[in-house]
Amino acid sequence: MVAQKCILGLVVLVAVSAWAEEEGLTTSERIERVNRDAVRSPDEPFVEDDVAFDSEAERNADPCTAKGCMWPKSANGKVYIAYVISSEYSPREVSVIERGLQSFHDFSCLRFVKRTGQTDYLNIQSLNGCYSYIGRLGNAQTLSLQRSGCVYHDTVQHEVLHALGFQHEQKRSDRDQYIRVVLENVIPGKEHNFDKVKTLNLGTTYDYESVMHYSKYAFSKNNKPTLVAIPDSSVQFGTATEMSQKDILRLNRLYKC
């Protein structure tokens, strides 16, 4: 009986330790950890890092510059985005996801509403990893928040920002003035995750505090930095736990809130 209690206690201790470690991760670290070894089913989209595409051929194009990708504004000035949350999630997980969605209501004209027949909507599911398409695609649009590792407030905000039309901050068209990519430290085959994109920066300056910014060691093969701030290498980044003021400013400028 004593041995059994010890074993059960050890299992609980290991579970608590793993949970505490996961809680301490940054948004970027959490998403990378979950997606690192994800094996996706044939009916899931092609995913680069945490950005989904309908095919691998599309990954070099930014859908938001190639075509309109914003969610439409209603006559009352609000942008209503319908969503469905999979029944796989526990009540606690649903609460975390909905709190992340509703956080946008506090600082923008966006309103996330439960789907009641709308044609275009976010279909939030626990698939293999954390990922989202960039911008509105039309019809049922997959946004994956894997139950083990992705259901956190900051991760919800991050993936929803992708669905609203935003790229990762370090992919900005002007990033070379603020961040240096150290490709020799990047895992072979992952270099494309650091490609620049022709982004619409909306008159805002580079944001090291963005919830969309990678961490210093993203996709590192040797525990050495893959991203270094310039000209001051001591500047910290990729540590956000929620949207920054510039994230909010860009969102409001894009949707003219």
Protein backbone atom coordinates (compact mmCIF):
# COMPACT_ATOMS: atom_id res chain seq x y z
CA MET A 1 0.00 0.00 0.00
CA VAL A 2 2.83 2.39 0.91
CA ALA A 3 4.62 1.60 -2.37
CA GLN A 4 1.42 2.19 -4.31
CA LYS A 5 0.93 5.56 -2.63
CA CYS A 6 4.53 6.51 -3.44
CA ILE A 7 4.04 5.59 -7.10
CA LEU A 8 0.82 7.59 -7.32
CA GLY A 9 2.53 10.51 -5.60
CA LEU A 10 5.37 10.36 -8.11
CA VAL A 11 2.93 10.36 -11.04
CA VAL A 12 1.18 13.43 -9.64
CA LEU A 13 4.53 15.16 -9.01
CA VAL A 14 5.67 14.49 -12.59
CA ALA A 15 2.35 15.77 -13.98
CA VAL A 16 2.54 18.95 -11.89
CA SER A 17 6.17 19.48 -12.92
CA ALA A 18 5.31 19.10 -16.62
CA TRP A 19 2.38 21.51 -16.24
CA ALA A 20 4.57 24.08 -14.46
CA GLU A 21 7.20 23.83 -17.21
CA GLU A 22 4.57 24.34 -19.92
CA GLU A 23 3.09 27.31 -18.05
CA GLY A 24 6.52 28.96 -18.00
CA LEU A 25 7.02 28.85 -21.77
CA THR A 26 6.67 31.90 -24.00
CA THR A 27 4.05 31.88 -26.76
CA SER A 28 6.67 31.14 -29.40
CA GLU A 29 8.29 28.37 -27.37
CA ARG A 30 4.96 26.73 -26.62
CA ILE A 31 3.84 26.72 -30.25
CA GLU A 32 7.22 25.44 -31.47
CA ARG A 33 7.27 22.66 -28.86
CA VAL A 34 3.80 21.41 -29.79
CA ASN A 35 4.37 21.66 -33.54
CA ARG A 36 7.91 20.26 -33.57
CA ASP A 37 6.95 16.59 -33.90
CA ALA A 38 3.35 16.96 -35.02
CA VAL A 39 2.27 14.31 -37.50
CA ARG A 40 -0.72 15.62 -39.40
CA SER A 41 -3.50 13.58 -40.95
CA PRO A 42 -4.04 13.62 -44.74
CA ASP A 43 -7.09 15.89 -44.43
CA GLU A 44 -5.19 18.61 -42.54
CA PRO A 45 -3.64 21.55 -44.44
CA PHE A 46 0.05 22.05 -45.22
CA VAL A 47 1.51 23.87 -42.20
CA GLU A 48 4.72 25.93 -42.07
CA ASP A 49 5.54 26.59 -38.41
CA ASP A 50 2.01 27.52 -37.26
CA VAL A 51 0.68 29.01 -40.52
CA ALA A 52 -1.63 26.86 -42.63
CA PHE A 53 -1.84 26.79 -46.43
CA ASP A 54 -4.07 24.77 -48.73
CA SER A 55 -0.94 23.44 -50.45
CA GLU A 56 2.84 23.64 -50.13
CA ALA A 57 2.99 25.63 -53.37
CA GLU A 58 1.19 28.54 -51.67
CA ARG A 59 3.69 29.05 -48.88
CA ASN A 60 5.78 31.65 -50.71
CA ALA A 61 2.79 33.93 -51.23
CA ASP A 62 1.14 36.06 -48.57
CA PRO A 63 -2.62 35.64 -49.11
CA CYS A 64 -3.23 39.09 -47.60
CA THR A 65 -1.19 40.83 -50.29
CA ALA A 66 -2.40 38.59 -53.10
CA LYS A 67 -6.11 39.04 -52.34
CA GLY A 68 -8.46 40.60 -49.83
CA CYS A 69 -8.35 38.67 -46.60
CA MET A 70 -10.06 40.85 -44.02
CA TRP A 71 -13.27 39.91 -42.27
CA PRO A 72 -16.07 42.29 -43.38
CA LYS A 73 -17.37 45.18 -41.32
CA SER A 74 -21.08 45.55 -40.61
CA ALA A 75 -23.10 48.72 -41.05
CA ASN A 76 -22.82 49.42 -37.33
CA GLY A 77 -19.00 49.53 -37.54
CA LYS A 78 -18.46 46.17 -35.85
CA VAL A 79 -16.65 43.21 -37.39
CA TYR A 80 -18.55 40.07 -36.46
CA ILE A 81 -16.63 36.78 -36.72
CA ALA A 82 -18.57 33.60 -36.16
CA TYR A 83 -16.91 30.61 -34.55
CA VAL A 84 -17.51 27.00 -33.61
CA ILE A 85 -15.57 25.25 -30.83
CA SER A 86 -15.17 21.48 -31.06
CA SER A 87 -16.95 19.35 -28.48
CA GLU A 88 -13.61 17.61 -27.80
CA TYR A 89 -12.59 20.39 -25.44
CA SER A 90 -13.31 20.29 -21.72
CA PRO A 91 -15.40 23.07 -20.15
CA ARG A 92 -12.19 24.63 -18.75
CA GLU A 93 -10.56 24.59 -22.19
CA VAL A 94 -13.64 26.12 -23.80
CA SER A 95 -13.51 28.86 -21.17
CA VAL A 96 -9.85 29.63 -21.98
CA ILE A 97 -10.58 29.76 -25.72
CA GLU A 98 -13.64 31.97 -25.31
CA ARG A 99 -11.80 34.30 -22.95
CA GLY A 100 -9.10 34.67 -25.61
CA LEU A 101 -11.71 35.47 -28.27
CA GLN A 102 -13.60 37.89 -26.07
CA SER A 103 -10.40 39.73 -25.12
CA PHE A 104 -10.55 41.33 -28.58
CA HIS A 105 -13.86 42.94 -27.62
CA ASP A 106 -12.10 45.04 -24.97
CA PHE A 107 -9.86 46.98 -27.35
CA SER A 108 -11.25 46.70 -30.89
CA CYS A 109 -14.41 46.70 -32.99
CA LEU A 110 -14.13 42.92 -33.49
CA ARG A 111 -16.86 40.74 -32.01
CA PHE A 112 -16.56 36.96 -31.91
CA VAL A 113 -19.99 35.33 -31.92
CA LYS A 114 -21.10 31.71 -31.79
CA ARG A 115 -22.08 30.52 -35.24
CA THR A 116 -25.78 30.51 -36.00
CA GLY A 117 -25.64 29.59 -39.66
CA GLN A 118 -23.03 32.06 -40.99
CA THR A 119 -21.24 30.85 -44.13
CA ASP A 120 -17.79 32.10 -43.08
CA TYR A 121 -16.58 31.10 -39.64
CA LEU A 122 -13.62 29.91 -37.58
CA ASN A 123 -13.79 26.19 -36.94
CA ILE A 124 -11.70 25.78 -33.77
CA GLN A 125 -10.52 22.19 -33.36
CA SER A 126 -7.95 20.16 -31.45
CA LEU A 127 -5.94 18.83 -34.40
CA ASN A 128 -2.21 18.09 -34.59
CA GLY A 129 -0.56 21.25 -33.30
CA CYS A 130 -1.28 24.98 -33.03
CA TYR A 131 -1.92 26.64 -36.37
CA SER A 132 -4.12 28.97 -38.41
CA TYR A 133 -4.50 30.30 -41.92
CA ILE A 134 -3.56 33.93 -42.60
CA GLY A 135 -6.67 36.08 -42.97
CA ARG A 136 -10.22 35.13 -43.95
CA LEU A 137 -10.53 32.32 -46.49
CA GLY A 138 -14.28 31.89 -46.62
CA ASN A 139 -16.53 29.03 -45.46
CA ALA A 140 -15.39 26.86 -42.54
CA GLN A 141 -11.86 27.94 -41.67
CA THR A 142 -9.74 25.64 -39.54
CA LEU A 143 -7.92 27.02 -36.51
CA SER A 144 -6.16 24.29 -34.54
CA LEU A 145 -5.50 24.50 -30.81
CA GLN A 146 -4.30 21.07 -29.77
CA ARG A 147 -5.61 20.23 -26.31
CA SER A 148 -2.18 19.27 -25.03
CA GLY A 149 -0.09 22.40 -25.30
CA CYS A 150 -2.06 25.02 -27.25
CA VAL A 151 -4.98 26.01 -25.04
CA TYR A 152 -3.54 29.13 -23.41
CA HIS A 153 -4.69 32.74 -23.54
CA ASP A 154 -1.63 34.00 -25.42
CA THR A 155 -1.72 31.12 -27.91
CA VAL A 156 -5.38 31.77 -28.65
CA GLN A 157 -4.62 35.45 -29.31
CA HIS A 158 -1.62 34.51 -31.49
CA GLU A 159 -3.51 32.10 -33.74
CA VAL A 160 -6.55 34.39 -33.96
CA LEU A 161 -4.28 37.26 -35.08
CA HIS A 162 -3.10 35.02 -37.92
CA ALA A 163 -6.75 34.40 -38.86
CA LEU A 164 -7.31 38.16 -38.85
CA GLY A 165 -4.53 38.70 -41.38
CA PHE A 166 -1.29 39.10 -39.42
CA GLN A 167 2.09 37.48 -40.01
CA HIS A 168 4.84 36.84 -37.45
CA GLU A 169 6.55 40.06 -36.39
CA GLN A 170 10.06 38.93 -37.37
CA LYS A 171 8.80 38.28 -40.92
CA ARG A 172 8.04 41.99 -41.40
CA SER A 173 9.34 43.57 -44.58
CA ASP A 174 11.52 45.96 -42.52
CA ARG A 175 12.81 43.42 -40.00
CA ASP A 176 16.46 43.59 -41.14
CA GLN A 177 16.77 46.96 -39.42
CA TYR A 178 15.77 45.45 -36.08
CA ILE A 179 16.58 41.76 -36.01
CA ARG A 180 19.37 39.60 -37.42
CA VAL A 181 18.64 36.02 -38.42
CA VAL A 182 21.50 33.62 -37.63
CA LEU A 183 20.83 30.92 -40.20
CA GLU A 184 23.86 28.83 -39.23
CA ASN A 185 22.09 28.03 -35.95
CA VAL A 186 18.77 27.06 -37.55
CA ILE A 187 17.68 23.43 -37.84
CA PRO A 188 18.31 22.31 -41.45
CA GLY A 189 15.09 22.48 -43.43
CA LYS A 190 13.55 25.12 -41.14
CA GLU A 191 15.21 28.14 -42.72
CA HIS A 192 12.02 29.12 -44.55
CA ASN A 193 10.43 29.98 -41.20
CA PHE A 194 12.62 33.10 -41.21
CA ASP A 195 11.76 34.34 -44.71
CA LYS A 196 10.58 37.94 -44.96
CA VAL A 197 7.08 38.70 -46.19
CA LYS A 198 5.78 41.81 -47.94
CA THR A 199 3.77 42.91 -44.93
CA LEU A 200 1.46 45.84 -44.42
CA ASN A 201 3.02 47.48 -41.35
CA LEU A 202 0.29 50.10 -40.95
CA GLY A 203 2.62 52.92 -39.96
CA THR A 204 3.82 51.15 -36.82
CA THR A 205 7.40 50.58 -35.76
CA TYR A 206 8.93 47.15 -35.14
CA ASP A 207 7.59 45.50 -32.01
CA TYR A 208 9.88 43.31 -29.92
CA GLU A 209 7.00 42.89 -27.44
CA SER A 210 4.51 41.53 -29.97
CA VAL A 211 2.70 38.30 -29.15
CA MET A 212 3.51 37.43 -32.79
CA HIS A 213 7.31 37.53 -32.29
CA TYR A 214 9.48 34.40 -32.24
CA SER A 215 11.76 33.75 -29.30
CA LYS A 216 15.53 34.15 -29.43
CA TYR A 217 16.16 30.42 -29.85
CA ALA A 218 13.32 29.55 -32.25
CA PHE A 219 14.19 26.49 -34.35
CA SER A 220 17.73 26.37 -32.97
CA LYS A 221 19.75 23.24 -33.70
CA ASN A 222 22.45 23.92 -31.12
CA ASN A 223 20.89 26.01 -28.32
CA LYS A 224 22.44 29.13 -29.82
CA PRO A 225 20.34 32.16 -30.83
CA THR A 226 18.67 32.11 -34.23
CA LEU A 227 17.46 35.71 -33.78
CA VAL A 228 19.48 38.62 -32.39
CA ALA A 229 18.19 42.16 -31.86
CA ILE A 230 20.11 44.94 -33.63
CA PRO A 231 21.78 47.29 -33.04
CA ASP A 232 21.40 46.42 -29.32
CA SER A 233 21.74 42.66 -28.89
CA SER A 234 20.64 42.87 -25.24
CA VAL A 235 17.06 43.78 -26.21
CA GLN A 236 14.65 41.03 -25.16
CA PHE A 237 11.86 39.75 -27.42
CA GLY A 238 9.51 36.83 -27.91
CA THR A 239 8.43 36.84 -24.26
CA ALA A 240 4.89 38.24 -24.59
CA THR A 241 2.06 36.65 -22.62
CA GLU A 242 -0.63 38.66 -24.39
CA MET A 243 -1.07 41.17 -27.21
CA SER A 244 1.13 44.26 -27.00
CA GLN A 245 -0.05 47.84 -27.44
CA LYS A 246 1.37 47.84 -30.98
CA ASP A 247 -0.44 44.58 -31.77
CA ILE A 248 -3.65 46.30 -30.72
CA LEU A 249 -2.80 49.47 -32.66
CA ARG A 250 -2.12 47.51 -35.86
CA LEU A 251 -5.32 45.52 -35.45
CA ASN A 252 -7.39 48.67 -35.03
CA ARG A 253 -5.72 50.38 -37.98
CA LEU A 254 -6.23 47.37 -40.27
CA TYR A 255 -9.92 47.09 -39.40
CA LYS A 256 -10.41 50.87 -39.04
CA CYS A 257 -11.87 50.51 -35.57
